[in-house]
Protein backbone atom coordinates (compact mmCIF):
# COMPACT_ATOMS: atom_id res chain seq x y z
CA UNK A 1 58.14 -68.63 30.47
CA UNK A 2 58.25 -65.17 32.06
CA UNK A 3 54.92 -64.34 30.43
CA UNK A 4 53.29 -67.45 31.93
CA UNK A 5 54.62 -66.56 35.40
CA UNK A 6 53.37 -62.98 35.03
CA UNK A 7 49.91 -64.19 33.97
CA UNK A 8 49.77 -66.67 36.86
CA UNK A 9 50.80 -63.96 39.32
CA UNK A 10 48.18 -61.54 37.96
CA UNK A 11 45.47 -64.20 38.23
CA UNK A 12 46.50 -64.98 41.79
CA UNK A 13 46.42 -61.32 42.80
CA UNK A 14 43.07 -60.65 41.10
CA UNK A 15 41.52 -63.75 42.69
CA UNK A 16 42.70 -62.66 46.12
CA UNK A 17 41.22 -59.20 45.76
CA UNK A 18 38.02 -60.49 44.17
CA UNK A 19 37.29 -62.59 47.26
CA UNK A 20 37.49 -59.64 49.66
CA UNK A 21 34.19 -57.92 50.41
CA UNK A 22 34.26 -54.49 52.04
CA UNK A 23 31.37 -52.36 53.24
CA UNK A 24 32.01 -48.84 54.54
CA UNK A 25 29.33 -46.70 56.15
CA UNK A 26 30.02 -43.06 56.92
CA UNK A 27 27.88 -40.31 58.37
CA UNK A 28 28.96 -37.04 59.95
CA UNK A 29 32.02 -37.97 62.04
CA UNK A 30 31.27 -41.70 62.22
CA UNK A 31 32.75 -44.42 60.04
CA UNK A 32 32.36 -48.20 60.08
CA UNK A 33 34.11 -50.60 57.72
CA UNK A 34 33.27 -54.31 57.60
CA UNK A 35 35.78 -56.39 55.64
CA UNK A 36 35.44 -60.08 54.87
CA UNK A 37 37.48 -62.56 52.92
CA UNK A 38 37.85 -66.34 53.06
CA UNK A 39 40.15 -66.12 56.12
CA UNK A 40 38.96 -63.18 58.23
CA UNK A 41 36.05 -60.97 59.21
CA UNK A 42 36.95 -57.50 60.47
CA UNK A 43 35.26 -54.40 61.83
CA UNK A 44 37.04 -51.05 62.00
CA UNK A 45 35.04 -48.17 63.47
CA UNK A 46 35.57 -44.55 64.40
CA UNK A 47 32.64 -42.80 66.11
CA UNK A 48 31.59 -40.32 68.75
CA UNK A 49 32.98 -41.58 72.08
CA UNK A 50 29.61 -41.11 73.78
CA UNK A 51 28.58 -44.36 72.07
CA UNK A 52 31.26 -46.42 73.87
CA UNK A 53 28.99 -47.53 76.73
CA UNK A 54 26.20 -48.60 74.37
CA UNK A 55 28.58 -50.48 72.07
CA UNK A 56 30.47 -52.27 74.86
CA UNK A 57 27.23 -53.23 76.65
CA UNK A 58 26.00 -54.63 73.32
CA UNK A 59 29.22 -56.61 72.88
CA UNK A 60 28.86 -58.01 76.41
CA UNK A 61 25.30 -59.11 75.62
CA UNK A 62 26.24 -60.66 72.29
CA UNK A 63 29.47 -62.57 72.91
CA UNK A 64 30.88 -62.44 76.43
CA UNK A 65 28.73 -65.18 78.05
CA UNK A 66 29.29 -63.52 81.42
CA UNK A 67 33.08 -63.73 81.28
CA UNK A 68 34.91 -60.72 79.88
CA UNK A 69 33.31 -57.29 80.19
CA UNK A 70 34.20 -54.76 77.52
CA UNK A 71 32.82 -51.69 79.33
CA UNK A 72 35.49 -49.66 81.15
CA UNK A 73 38.20 -51.83 79.58
CA UNK A 74 40.89 -50.88 77.09
CA UNK A 75 42.40 -53.73 75.10
CA UNK A 76 44.88 -54.35 72.33
CA UNK A 77 45.12 -58.12 72.35
CA UNK A 78 44.20 -61.47 70.88
CA UNK A 79 41.40 -62.76 73.12
CA UNK A 80 39.85 -66.18 73.67
CA UNK A 81 36.56 -66.15 75.54
CA UNK A 82 35.11 -68.94 77.69
CA UNK A 83 32.85 -69.88 74.75
CA UNK A 84 36.04 -70.57 72.68
CA UNK A 85 35.59 -67.48 70.48
CA UNK A 86 39.07 -66.25 69.54
CA UNK A 87 39.54 -62.77 68.05
CA UNK A 88 41.70 -59.66 68.08
CA UNK A 89 40.30 -56.53 69.75
CA UNK A 90 41.66 -53.02 70.05
CA UNK A 91 39.66 -50.17 71.50
CA UNK A 92 40.03 -46.63 72.75
CA UNK A 93 37.45 -43.88 73.23
CA UNK A 94 35.52 -43.62 69.96
CA UNK A 95 37.54 -46.30 68.15
CA UNK A 96 37.13 -50.04 67.80
CA UNK A 97 38.86 -52.74 65.75
CA UNK A 98 37.72 -56.37 65.88
CA UNK A 99 39.17 -59.16 63.76
CA UNK A 100 38.14 -62.81 63.70
CA UNK A 101 40.20 -65.52 61.99
CA UNK A 102 37.60 -67.85 60.47
CA UNK A 103 40.09 -70.74 60.37
CA UNK A 104 40.49 -70.67 64.17
CA UNK A 105 36.76 -70.48 64.98
CA UNK A 106 33.69 -72.59 64.29
CA UNK A 107 31.02 -71.58 61.77
CA UNK A 108 28.62 -70.81 64.63
CA UNK A 109 31.13 -68.51 66.31
CA UNK A 110 31.80 -66.77 62.99
CA UNK A 111 28.06 -66.16 62.49
CA UNK A 112 27.72 -64.83 66.04
CA UNK A 113 30.73 -62.51 65.60
CA UNK A 114 29.50 -61.26 62.21
CA UNK A 115 26.03 -60.60 63.62
CA UNK A 116 27.56 -58.65 66.51
CA UNK A 117 29.67 -56.54 64.14
CA UNK A 118 26.62 -55.76 62.00
CA UNK A 119 24.78 -54.73 65.17
CA UNK A 120 27.66 -52.41 66.14
CA UNK A 121 27.46 -50.88 62.65
CA UNK A 122 23.74 -50.28 63.18
CA UNK A 123 24.30 -48.64 66.59
CA UNK A 124 26.84 -46.25 65.08
CA UNK A 125 24.64 -45.49 62.06
CA UNK A 126 21.69 -44.49 64.26
CA UNK A 127 23.68 -41.76 66.02
């Protein structure tokens, strides 16, 4: 019986980890990690702070729909935008964490968020 429970637990753990996809891009002092599983999509980035303006302007263009402005704003909060996109954001000079719960957002919002995160990765890579 204990062996069956151990095997079931091992299968559960391996299935959970097998469904998580992580991409990390590093160059010089910049690092971007995109992590995705069946429940969340997350960006974690550390970069030269002189890119803040470009990144926040890009975020405004991609997801804010004229409501929230990310430039000159420091956040550490769960946010829901006018367009119903709900996500966690934390930023400080040269650092950004974004996390979207796929279960709380539509497929279209997920695609828009993922596209924005990939664009942020590209901005940081070009530096």
